[in-house]
Amino acid sequence: MGMDKRSLSIHGKPLLDRVLSVLLDVFPEVLLVLAEEDISRQEDRIQIVIDLVPGCAAVGGLYTGLYYSRYSRVFVVACDMPFLDPAVIELFSQKVDATDIVLAQLVNGLQPLHGLYSKKCLPFLKEMIDSQDLRLQNIADKQGLTVHRIPESEIKVLDPQLLSFLNLNSPADVELAKKINPG
């Protein structure tokens, strides 16, 4: 959209605050990956890190998050997803077992910015960065990684309108989000 989406307000609350609020309700801490230094946010349960490899979009952000995480798995979302659902996040957490990646398989494709990733993804992400393959969904096709794809039908039981996966990429998306009352 040509601007930093973190501060866009939906229903009176900036996008980043909306996302952090849900994540902090589900997880004991949040690792926030930013493209550049931002010292305006300092909270005990939020660790802020800067992209290790600038200019590599979500692939670089995921690489950075996994690199700095003290956990073997991370749940990843974008800051422009205003209607995250804790129940859907919990569903993803229940699917990990021996799987390296857990993603939603919706009718319109995989949703890589609402998923669980293991640290086993790190060398694959580095390879993607080095080859400038910046389509994050391509990680699901990497030999050597196991991927659990949660079907849309299973997610719709918890989130019938799939609002958890709505991300705001245009002014029209923002206007649509302002009209939605997620309940």
N, C-alpha and C. Protein backbone atom coordinates (compact mmCIF):
# COMPACT_ATOMS: atom_id res chain seq x y z
N MET A 1 0.82 -1.21 0.00
CA MET A 1 0.00 0.00 0.00
C MET A 1 0.85 1.25 0.00
N GLY A 2 2.16 1.08 -0.01
CA GLY A 2 3.03 2.24 -0.05
C GLY A 2 3.24 2.92 1.29
N MET A 3 2.87 2.22 2.38
CA MET A 3 3.04 2.80 3.72
C MET A 3 3.20 1.67 4.73
N ASP A 4 3.62 2.03 5.92
CA ASP A 4 3.75 1.06 7.01
C ASP A 4 2.34 0.76 7.52
N LYS A 5 1.91 -0.48 7.38
CA LYS A 5 0.55 -0.86 7.73
C LYS A 5 0.33 -1.02 9.23
N ARG A 6 1.40 -1.11 9.99
CA ARG A 6 1.27 -1.39 11.43
C ARG A 6 0.35 -0.42 12.14
N SER A 7 0.36 0.84 11.72
CA SER A 7 -0.42 1.85 12.45
C SER A 7 -1.82 2.08 11.88
N LEU A 8 -2.18 1.41 10.79
CA LEU A 8 -3.53 1.54 10.26
C LEU A 8 -4.53 1.11 11.33
N SER A 9 -5.59 1.87 11.49
CA SER A 9 -6.55 1.60 12.55
C SER A 9 -7.79 0.89 12.00
N ILE A 10 -8.16 -0.20 12.67
CA ILE A 10 -9.39 -0.93 12.35
C ILE A 10 -10.20 -0.99 13.64
N HIS A 11 -11.41 -0.49 13.59
CA HIS A 11 -12.28 -0.45 14.77
C HIS A 11 -11.58 0.24 15.94
N GLY A 12 -10.85 1.32 15.65
CA GLY A 12 -10.24 2.14 16.68
C GLY A 12 -8.96 1.61 17.28
N LYS A 13 -8.38 0.57 16.67
CA LYS A 13 -7.15 -0.01 17.23
C LYS A 13 -6.16 -0.26 16.09
N PRO A 14 -4.92 0.19 16.23
CA PRO A 14 -3.92 -0.04 15.19
C PRO A 14 -3.73 -1.54 14.91
N LEU A 15 -3.46 -1.87 13.65
CA LEU A 15 -3.30 -3.26 13.25
C LEU A 15 -2.31 -4.02 14.12
N LEU A 16 -1.14 -3.45 14.34
CA LEU A 16 -0.13 -4.15 15.13
C LEU A 16 -0.64 -4.42 16.54
N ASP A 17 -1.33 -3.48 17.13
CA ASP A 17 -1.87 -3.68 18.48
C ASP A 17 -2.91 -4.80 18.49
N ARG A 18 -3.72 -4.86 17.44
CA ARG A 18 -4.74 -5.92 17.34
C ARG A 18 -4.07 -7.29 17.29
N VAL A 19 -3.05 -7.41 16.45
CA VAL A 19 -2.35 -8.69 16.29
C VAL A 19 -1.64 -9.07 17.59
N LEU A 20 -0.91 -8.13 18.17
CA LEU A 20 -0.18 -8.42 19.41
C LEU A 20 -1.13 -8.81 20.54
N SER A 21 -2.25 -8.19 20.62
CA SER A 21 -3.23 -8.49 21.67
C SER A 21 -3.65 -9.96 21.60
N VAL A 22 -3.97 -10.44 20.40
CA VAL A 22 -4.37 -11.84 20.24
C VAL A 22 -3.21 -12.77 20.55
N LEU A 23 -2.04 -12.47 19.99
CA LEU A 23 -0.89 -13.35 20.20
C LEU A 23 -0.49 -13.43 21.67
N LEU A 24 -0.56 -12.31 22.38
CA LEU A 24 -0.20 -12.31 23.80
C LEU A 24 -1.23 -13.03 24.66
N ASP A 25 -2.45 -13.17 24.14
CA ASP A 25 -3.46 -13.98 24.84
C ASP A 25 -3.19 -15.47 24.68
N VAL A 26 -2.52 -15.85 23.58
CA VAL A 26 -2.29 -17.26 23.28
C VAL A 26 -0.90 -17.74 23.70
N PHE A 27 0.10 -16.88 23.57
CA PHE A 27 1.48 -17.28 23.80
C PHE A 27 2.10 -16.49 24.96
N PRO A 28 3.09 -17.09 25.64
CA PRO A 28 3.72 -16.39 26.77
C PRO A 28 4.57 -15.20 26.33
N GLU A 29 5.05 -15.23 25.09
CA GLU A 29 5.84 -14.11 24.59
C GLU A 29 5.72 -14.04 23.07
N VAL A 30 6.05 -12.88 22.53
CA VAL A 30 5.96 -12.64 21.10
C VAL A 30 7.30 -12.08 20.63
N LEU A 31 7.75 -12.58 19.51
CA LEU A 31 8.96 -12.08 18.85
C LEU A 31 8.48 -11.26 17.67
N LEU A 32 8.77 -9.98 17.69
CA LEU A 32 8.32 -9.06 16.65
C LEU A 32 9.51 -8.73 15.75
N VAL A 33 9.41 -9.13 14.49
CA VAL A 33 10.48 -8.88 13.53
C VAL A 33 10.13 -7.62 12.74
N LEU A 34 11.03 -6.65 12.78
CA LEU A 34 10.82 -5.39 12.08
C LEU A 34 11.91 -5.18 11.03
N ALA A 35 11.57 -4.42 10.02
CA ALA A 35 12.54 -4.11 8.96
C ALA A 35 13.58 -3.11 9.45
N GLU A 36 13.17 -2.25 10.38
CA GLU A 36 14.10 -1.24 10.90
C GLU A 36 13.81 -0.98 12.37
N GLU A 37 14.75 -0.40 13.04
CA GLU A 37 14.66 -0.13 14.48
C GLU A 37 13.41 0.68 14.81
N ASP A 38 12.74 0.25 15.87
CA ASP A 38 11.54 0.94 16.35
C ASP A 38 11.54 0.80 17.86
N ILE A 39 11.97 1.83 18.55
CA ILE A 39 12.09 1.74 20.00
C ILE A 39 10.84 2.25 20.73
N SER A 40 9.78 2.53 19.98
CA SER A 40 8.59 3.08 20.61
C SER A 40 7.80 2.03 21.39
N ARG A 41 8.09 0.77 21.21
CA ARG A 41 7.33 -0.29 21.88
C ARG A 41 8.27 -1.08 22.78
N GLN A 42 8.01 -1.03 24.06
CA GLN A 42 8.82 -1.78 25.01
C GLN A 42 7.90 -2.45 26.02
N GLU A 43 7.74 -3.76 25.87
CA GLU A 43 6.92 -4.54 26.77
C GLU A 43 7.69 -5.79 27.14
N ASP A 44 7.51 -6.27 28.36
CA ASP A 44 8.25 -7.43 28.85
C ASP A 44 8.05 -8.68 28.00
N ARG A 45 6.86 -8.89 27.50
CA ARG A 45 6.56 -10.13 26.78
C ARG A 45 6.78 -10.02 25.27
N ILE A 46 7.30 -8.89 24.81
CA ILE A 46 7.55 -8.70 23.38
C ILE A 46 9.04 -8.46 23.17
N GLN A 47 9.66 -9.31 22.36
CA GLN A 47 11.06 -9.12 21.99
C GLN A 47 11.08 -8.59 20.56
N ILE A 48 11.75 -7.48 20.35
CA ILE A 48 11.84 -6.88 19.03
C ILE A 48 13.21 -7.17 18.44
N VAL A 49 13.20 -7.69 17.21
CA VAL A 49 14.44 -7.94 16.48
C VAL A 49 14.33 -7.31 15.10
N ILE A 50 15.48 -7.02 14.52
CA ILE A 50 15.54 -6.39 13.19
C ILE A 50 15.94 -7.45 12.17
N ASP A 51 15.33 -7.36 10.99
CA ASP A 51 15.63 -8.31 9.90
C ASP A 51 17.13 -8.53 9.76
N LEU A 52 17.53 -9.79 9.77
CA LEU A 52 18.94 -10.14 9.54
C LEU A 52 19.34 -9.91 8.09
N VAL A 53 18.36 -10.09 7.19
CA VAL A 53 18.62 -9.95 5.76
C VAL A 53 17.57 -8.98 5.21
N PRO A 54 17.87 -7.68 5.22
CA PRO A 54 16.88 -6.69 4.77
C PRO A 54 16.47 -6.91 3.30
N GLY A 55 15.25 -6.50 3.01
CA GLY A 55 14.77 -6.53 1.63
C GLY A 55 14.35 -7.89 1.14
N CYS A 56 14.14 -8.84 2.04
CA CYS A 56 13.74 -10.19 1.62
C CYS A 56 12.33 -10.53 2.07
N ALA A 57 11.54 -9.52 2.31
CA ALA A 57 10.11 -9.66 2.60
C ALA A 57 9.84 -10.70 3.68
N ALA A 58 8.76 -11.46 3.52
CA ALA A 58 8.33 -12.42 4.54
C ALA A 58 9.34 -13.54 4.73
N VAL A 59 10.03 -13.94 3.67
CA VAL A 59 11.04 -15.00 3.79
C VAL A 59 12.13 -14.55 4.76
N GLY A 60 12.60 -13.32 4.61
CA GLY A 60 13.61 -12.78 5.50
C GLY A 60 13.09 -12.60 6.91
N GLY A 61 11.84 -12.18 7.03
CA GLY A 61 11.24 -12.01 8.36
C GLY A 61 11.11 -13.34 9.09
N LEU A 62 10.67 -14.37 8.38
CA LEU A 62 10.54 -15.69 9.00
C LEU A 62 11.92 -16.24 9.37
N TYR A 63 12.88 -16.07 8.49
CA TYR A 63 14.24 -16.50 8.78
C TYR A 63 14.74 -15.83 10.06
N THR A 64 14.55 -14.54 10.16
CA THR A 64 14.99 -13.78 11.34
C THR A 64 14.27 -14.25 12.60
N GLY A 65 12.97 -14.43 12.51
CA GLY A 65 12.19 -14.88 13.67
C GLY A 65 12.63 -16.25 14.16
N LEU A 66 12.81 -17.19 13.25
CA LEU A 66 13.27 -18.52 13.64
C LEU A 66 14.69 -18.47 14.22
N TYR A 67 15.53 -17.66 13.62
CA TYR A 67 16.91 -17.54 14.07
C TYR A 67 16.96 -17.06 15.53
N TYR A 68 16.18 -16.05 15.86
CA TYR A 68 16.22 -15.46 17.20
C TYR A 68 15.34 -16.19 18.22
N SER A 69 14.41 -16.99 17.77
CA SER A 69 13.50 -17.65 18.72
C SER A 69 14.24 -18.64 19.60
N ARG A 70 13.86 -18.67 20.86
CA ARG A 70 14.45 -19.65 21.77
C ARG A 70 13.62 -20.93 21.79
N TYR A 71 12.57 -20.96 21.01
CA TYR A 71 11.72 -22.13 20.91
C TYR A 71 12.01 -22.89 19.61
N SER A 72 11.68 -24.16 19.57
CA SER A 72 11.95 -24.96 18.37
C SER A 72 10.93 -24.71 17.27
N ARG A 73 9.80 -24.12 17.63
CA ARG A 73 8.75 -23.80 16.65
C ARG A 73 8.22 -22.39 16.92
N VAL A 74 7.80 -21.74 15.85
CA VAL A 74 7.18 -20.43 16.00
C VAL A 74 5.88 -20.38 15.21
N PHE A 75 4.93 -19.67 15.75
CA PHE A 75 3.70 -19.38 15.01
C PHE A 75 3.90 -18.01 14.38
N VAL A 76 3.63 -17.91 13.10
CA VAL A 76 3.93 -16.69 12.34
C VAL A 76 2.66 -16.10 11.74
N VAL A 77 2.50 -14.80 11.91
CA VAL A 77 1.44 -14.06 11.23
C VAL A 77 2.01 -12.73 10.76
N ALA A 78 1.29 -12.13 9.84
CA ALA A 78 1.66 -10.79 9.36
C ALA A 78 0.98 -9.75 10.23
N CYS A 79 1.52 -8.55 10.25
CA CYS A 79 0.94 -7.49 11.08
C CYS A 79 -0.35 -6.93 10.50
N ASP A 80 -0.69 -7.33 9.27
CA ASP A 80 -1.87 -6.76 8.62
C ASP A 80 -3.05 -7.73 8.61
N MET A 81 -3.16 -8.55 9.66
CA MET A 81 -4.25 -9.52 9.77
C MET A 81 -5.11 -9.14 10.98
N PRO A 82 -6.13 -8.32 10.79
CA PRO A 82 -6.86 -7.74 11.92
C PRO A 82 -7.80 -8.67 12.67
N PHE A 83 -8.12 -9.84 12.11
CA PHE A 83 -9.13 -10.67 12.74
C PHE A 83 -8.62 -12.07 13.10
N LEU A 84 -7.42 -12.13 13.65
CA LEU A 84 -6.89 -13.41 14.09
C LEU A 84 -7.82 -14.03 15.13
N ASP A 85 -7.93 -15.34 15.08
CA ASP A 85 -8.82 -16.05 15.99
C ASP A 85 -7.98 -16.98 16.86
N PRO A 86 -7.99 -16.78 18.18
CA PRO A 86 -7.21 -17.65 19.07
C PRO A 86 -7.53 -19.13 18.89
N ALA A 87 -8.79 -19.46 18.62
CA ALA A 87 -9.16 -20.88 18.45
C ALA A 87 -8.48 -21.48 17.21
N VAL A 88 -8.34 -20.69 16.16
CA VAL A 88 -7.67 -21.18 14.95
C VAL A 88 -6.18 -21.35 15.22
N ILE A 89 -5.60 -20.42 15.95
CA ILE A 89 -4.19 -20.54 16.32
C ILE A 89 -3.97 -21.80 17.15
N GLU A 90 -4.87 -22.07 18.08
CA GLU A 90 -4.78 -23.28 18.90
C GLU A 90 -4.89 -24.54 18.03
N LEU A 91 -5.76 -24.51 17.04
CA LEU A 91 -5.87 -25.64 16.11
C LEU A 91 -4.53 -25.93 15.45
N PHE A 92 -3.85 -24.90 14.99
CA PHE A 92 -2.54 -25.06 14.37
C PHE A 92 -1.56 -25.66 15.36
N SER A 93 -1.60 -25.20 16.60
CA SER A 93 -0.68 -25.70 17.63
C SER A 93 -0.91 -27.18 17.92
N GLN A 94 -2.12 -27.65 17.73
CA GLN A 94 -2.43 -29.06 17.98
C GLN A 94 -1.95 -29.98 16.86
N LYS A 95 -1.56 -29.42 15.73
CA LYS A 95 -1.19 -30.22 14.55
C LYS A 95 0.30 -30.42 14.37
N VAL A 96 1.12 -30.00 15.32
CA VAL A 96 2.56 -30.01 15.09
C VAL A 96 3.18 -31.40 15.04
N ASP A 97 2.95 -32.25 16.03
CA ASP A 97 3.58 -33.57 16.10
C ASP A 97 5.01 -33.53 15.57
N ALA A 98 5.32 -34.32 14.56
CA ALA A 98 6.68 -34.36 13.98
C ALA A 98 6.75 -33.52 12.71
N THR A 99 5.82 -32.63 12.54
CA THR A 99 5.73 -31.82 11.33
C THR A 99 6.60 -30.57 11.44
N ASP A 100 7.22 -30.20 10.32
CA ASP A 100 8.07 -29.01 10.30
C ASP A 100 7.27 -27.73 10.06
N ILE A 101 6.17 -27.86 9.31
CA ILE A 101 5.37 -26.69 8.95
C ILE A 101 3.89 -27.07 9.04
N VAL A 102 3.08 -26.17 9.58
CA VAL A 102 1.63 -26.34 9.59
C VAL A 102 1.04 -25.10 8.92
N LEU A 103 0.30 -25.33 7.82
CA LEU A 103 -0.30 -24.23 7.05
C LEU A 103 -1.75 -24.52 6.73
N ALA A 104 -2.49 -23.46 6.48
CA ALA A 104 -3.87 -23.59 6.03
C ALA A 104 -3.87 -23.78 4.51
N GLN A 105 -4.62 -24.78 4.08
CA GLN A 105 -4.82 -25.00 2.65
C GLN A 105 -6.23 -24.54 2.32
N LEU A 106 -6.34 -23.28 1.90
CA LEU A 106 -7.64 -22.73 1.54
C LEU A 106 -7.89 -22.94 0.05
N VAL A 107 -9.10 -22.73 -0.36
CA VAL A 107 -9.45 -22.90 -1.77
C VAL A 107 -8.54 -22.03 -2.66
N ASN A 108 -8.19 -20.84 -2.16
CA ASN A 108 -7.35 -19.93 -2.96
C ASN A 108 -5.85 -20.15 -2.73
N GLY A 109 -5.47 -21.24 -2.05
CA GLY A 109 -4.06 -21.57 -1.91
C GLY A 109 -3.59 -21.65 -0.47
N LEU A 110 -2.30 -21.95 -0.33
CA LEU A 110 -1.67 -22.00 0.99
C LEU A 110 -1.57 -20.61 1.60
N GLN A 111 -1.65 -20.55 2.91
CA GLN A 111 -1.56 -19.29 3.63
C GLN A 111 -0.28 -19.30 4.48
N PRO A 112 0.86 -18.92 3.92
CA PRO A 112 2.12 -19.06 4.63
C PRO A 112 2.34 -18.06 5.78
N LEU A 113 1.57 -16.97 5.80
CA LEU A 113 1.75 -16.00 6.88
C LEU A 113 0.70 -16.16 7.98
N HIS A 114 0.29 -17.37 8.17
CA HIS A 114 -0.55 -17.77 9.31
C HIS A 114 -0.22 -19.24 9.50
N GLY A 115 0.96 -19.50 10.07
CA GLY A 115 1.39 -20.88 10.17
C GLY A 115 2.43 -21.12 11.24
N LEU A 116 2.69 -22.38 11.46
CA LEU A 116 3.70 -22.82 12.41
C LEU A 116 4.91 -23.34 11.63
N TYR A 117 6.10 -22.95 12.07
CA TYR A 117 7.34 -23.35 11.41
C TYR A 117 8.34 -23.81 12.45
N SER A 118 9.07 -24.88 12.12
CA SER A 118 10.12 -25.35 13.01
C SER A 118 11.46 -24.77 12.59
N LYS A 119 12.41 -24.82 13.51
CA LYS A 119 13.75 -24.32 13.21
C LYS A 119 14.42 -25.13 12.09
N LYS A 120 13.89 -26.30 11.80
CA LYS A 120 14.43 -27.09 10.69
C LYS A 120 14.30 -26.34 9.36
N CYS A 121 13.43 -25.35 9.31
CA CYS A 121 13.23 -24.55 8.09
C CYS A 121 14.37 -23.57 7.83
N LEU A 122 15.18 -23.27 8.85
CA LEU A 122 16.21 -22.23 8.70
C LEU A 122 17.12 -22.40 7.48
N PRO A 123 17.74 -23.56 7.26
CA PRO A 123 18.62 -23.66 6.09
C PRO A 123 17.87 -23.54 4.76
N PHE A 124 16.63 -23.98 4.75
CA PHE A 124 15.83 -23.87 3.54
C PHE A 124 15.48 -22.41 3.25
N LEU A 125 15.17 -21.66 4.30
CA LEU A 125 14.89 -20.23 4.14
C LEU A 125 16.14 -19.49 3.69
N LYS A 126 17.29 -19.86 4.26
CA LYS A 126 18.55 -19.22 3.85
C LYS A 126 18.84 -19.48 2.38
N GLU A 127 18.60 -20.71 1.95
CA GLU A 127 18.77 -21.06 0.53
C GLU A 127 17.82 -20.23 -0.34
N MET A 128 16.58 -20.06 0.11
CA MET A 128 15.62 -19.25 -0.64
C MET A 128 16.10 -17.80 -0.73
N ILE A 129 16.61 -17.26 0.37
CA ILE A 129 17.12 -15.89 0.38
C ILE A 129 18.30 -15.76 -0.58
N ASP A 130 19.24 -16.70 -0.49
CA ASP A 130 20.43 -16.65 -1.34
C ASP A 130 20.08 -16.71 -2.83
N SER A 131 19.01 -17.45 -3.16
CA SER A 131 18.62 -17.57 -4.57
C SER A 131 17.54 -16.56 -4.96
N GLN A 132 17.21 -15.65 -4.02
CA GLN A 132 16.18 -14.63 -4.23
C GLN A 132 14.81 -15.23 -4.57
N ASP A 133 14.52 -16.41 -4.02
CA ASP A 133 13.20 -17.03 -4.12
C ASP A 133 12.41 -16.52 -2.92
N LEU A 134 11.69 -15.42 -3.10
CA LEU A 134 11.04 -14.74 -1.98
C LEU A 134 9.54 -15.05 -1.86
N ARG A 135 9.07 -16.09 -2.54
CA ARG A 135 7.68 -16.52 -2.39
C ARG A 135 7.63 -17.51 -1.24
N LEU A 136 7.18 -17.05 -0.08
CA LEU A 136 7.22 -17.85 1.14
C LEU A 136 6.52 -19.19 0.98
N GLN A 137 5.43 -19.23 0.23
CA GLN A 137 4.71 -20.50 0.08
C GLN A 137 5.56 -21.58 -0.57
N ASN A 138 6.64 -21.19 -1.25
CA ASN A 138 7.52 -22.18 -1.88
C ASN A 138 8.23 -23.07 -0.87
N ILE A 139 8.31 -22.63 0.37
CA ILE A 139 8.97 -23.47 1.38
C ILE A 139 8.21 -24.78 1.58
N ALA A 140 6.93 -24.79 1.34
CA ALA A 140 6.12 -25.99 1.52
C ALA A 140 6.48 -27.08 0.51
N ASP A 141 7.19 -26.73 -0.55
CA ASP A 141 7.58 -27.70 -1.58
C ASP A 141 9.00 -28.22 -1.41
N LYS A 142 9.69 -27.79 -0.37
CA LYS A 142 11.09 -28.16 -0.20
C LYS A 142 11.22 -29.61 0.26
N GLN A 143 12.03 -30.38 -0.47
CA GLN A 143 12.33 -31.76 -0.08
C GLN A 143 13.07 -31.73 1.26
N GLY A 144 12.66 -32.58 2.17
CA GLY A 144 13.31 -32.62 3.48
C GLY A 144 12.50 -31.97 4.58
N LEU A 145 11.42 -31.28 4.22
CA LEU A 145 10.53 -30.67 5.21
C LEU A 145 9.18 -31.37 5.14
N THR A 146 8.59 -31.63 6.30
CA THR A 146 7.24 -32.20 6.33
C THR A 146 6.24 -31.08 6.58
N VAL A 147 5.16 -31.11 5.82
CA VAL A 147 4.16 -30.05 5.88
C VAL A 147 2.79 -30.67 6.18
N HIS A 148 2.14 -30.14 7.20
CA HIS A 148 0.75 -30.52 7.48
C HIS A 148 -0.13 -29.39 6.95
N ARG A 149 -1.00 -29.73 6.04
CA ARG A 149 -1.91 -28.75 5.44
C ARG A 149 -3.29 -28.95 6.08
N ILE A 150 -3.76 -27.93 6.78
CA ILE A 150 -5.08 -28.01 7.39
C ILE A 150 -6.10 -27.57 6.35
N PRO A 151 -7.06 -28.44 6.02
CA PRO A 151 -8.04 -28.09 4.99
C PRO A 151 -8.98 -26.97 5.44
N GLU A 152 -9.40 -26.20 4.47
CA GLU A 152 -10.32 -25.09 4.72
C GLU A 152 -11.54 -25.55 5.50
N SER A 153 -12.08 -26.71 5.15
CA SER A 153 -13.29 -27.20 5.82
C SER A 153 -13.09 -27.37 7.33
N GLU A 154 -11.90 -27.79 7.75
CA GLU A 154 -11.62 -27.95 9.17
C GLU A 154 -11.51 -26.59 9.87
N ILE A 155 -10.93 -25.62 9.20
CA ILE A 155 -10.78 -24.28 9.77
C ILE A 155 -12.13 -23.59 9.87
N LYS A 156 -12.99 -23.80 8.87
CA LYS A 156 -14.31 -23.14 8.85
C LYS A 156 -15.19 -23.54 10.03
N VAL A 157 -14.90 -24.68 10.65
CA VAL A 157 -15.66 -25.07 11.85
C VAL A 157 -15.45 -24.03 12.94
N LEU A 158 -14.26 -23.47 13.02
CA LEU A 158 -13.92 -22.46 14.03
C LEU A 158 -14.09 -21.03 13.53
N ASP A 159 -13.83 -20.82 12.25
CA ASP A 159 -13.82 -19.49 11.66
C ASP A 159 -14.57 -19.56 10.31
N PRO A 160 -15.91 -19.57 10.38
CA PRO A 160 -16.73 -19.82 9.19
C PRO A 160 -16.45 -18.88 8.01
N GLN A 161 -16.07 -17.64 8.29
CA GLN A 161 -15.82 -16.67 7.22
C GLN A 161 -14.33 -16.57 6.88
N LEU A 162 -13.51 -17.37 7.55
CA LEU A 162 -12.05 -17.37 7.34
C LEU A 162 -11.43 -15.99 7.55
N LEU A 163 -11.99 -15.25 8.51
CA LEU A 163 -11.50 -13.90 8.77
C LEU A 163 -10.06 -13.90 9.30
N SER A 164 -9.65 -15.00 9.90
CA SER A 164 -8.28 -15.09 10.40
C SER A 164 -7.25 -14.87 9.30
N PHE A 165 -7.63 -15.14 8.08
CA PHE A 165 -6.69 -15.09 6.96
C PHE A 165 -6.82 -13.83 6.12
N LEU A 166 -7.71 -12.93 6.53
CA LEU A 166 -7.85 -11.67 5.81
C LEU A 166 -6.65 -10.79 6.12
N ASN A 167 -5.93 -10.42 5.08
CA ASN A 167 -4.85 -9.45 5.28
C ASN A 167 -5.11 -8.25 4.40
N LEU A 168 -4.59 -7.12 4.82
CA LEU A 168 -4.92 -5.85 4.20
C LEU A 168 -3.79 -5.40 3.28
N ASN A 169 -4.03 -5.54 1.99
CA ASN A 169 -3.00 -5.22 0.99
C ASN A 169 -3.35 -4.00 0.14
N SER A 170 -4.55 -3.47 0.31
CA SER A 170 -4.96 -2.33 -0.52
C SER A 170 -5.92 -1.46 0.29
N PRO A 171 -6.13 -0.22 -0.15
CA PRO A 171 -7.13 0.62 0.52
C PRO A 171 -8.52 -0.02 0.53
N ALA A 172 -8.85 -0.77 -0.52
CA ALA A 172 -10.16 -1.45 -0.56
C ALA A 172 -10.25 -2.51 0.54
N ASP A 173 -9.14 -3.22 0.79
CA ASP A 173 -9.13 -4.22 1.87
C ASP A 173 -9.35 -3.54 3.22
N VAL A 174 -8.75 -2.38 3.41
CA VAL A 174 -8.91 -1.64 4.67
C VAL A 174 -10.37 -1.24 4.85
N GLU A 175 -10.97 -0.73 3.80
CA GLU A 175 -12.39 -0.34 3.88
C GLU A 175 -13.28 -1.54 4.18
N LEU A 176 -12.98 -2.69 3.56
CA LEU A 176 -13.74 -3.90 3.83
C LEU A 176 -13.60 -4.29 5.30
N ALA A 177 -12.39 -4.27 5.83
CA ALA A 177 -12.15 -4.65 7.22
C ALA A 177 -12.91 -3.74 8.18
N LYS A 178 -13.02 -2.47 7.84
CA LYS A 178 -13.74 -1.53 8.70
C LYS A 178 -15.23 -1.83 8.76
N LYS A 179 -15.74 -2.56 7.74
CA LYS A 179 -17.16 -2.90 7.69
C LYS A 179 -17.47 -4.23 8.38
N ILE A 180 -16.44 -5.00 8.69
CA ILE A 180 -16.62 -6.33 9.27
C ILE A 180 -16.71 -6.21 10.78
N ASN A 181 -17.71 -6.88 11.33
CA ASN A 181 -17.82 -7.00 12.78
C ASN A 181 -17.58 -8.48 13.09
N PRO A 182 -16.36 -8.82 13.53
CA PRO A 182 -16.04 -10.24 13.71
C PRO A 182 -16.76 -10.91 14.88
N GLY A 183 -17.48 -10.14 15.66
CA GLY A 183 -18.26 -10.73 16.75
C GLY A 183 -17.60 -10.70 18.08
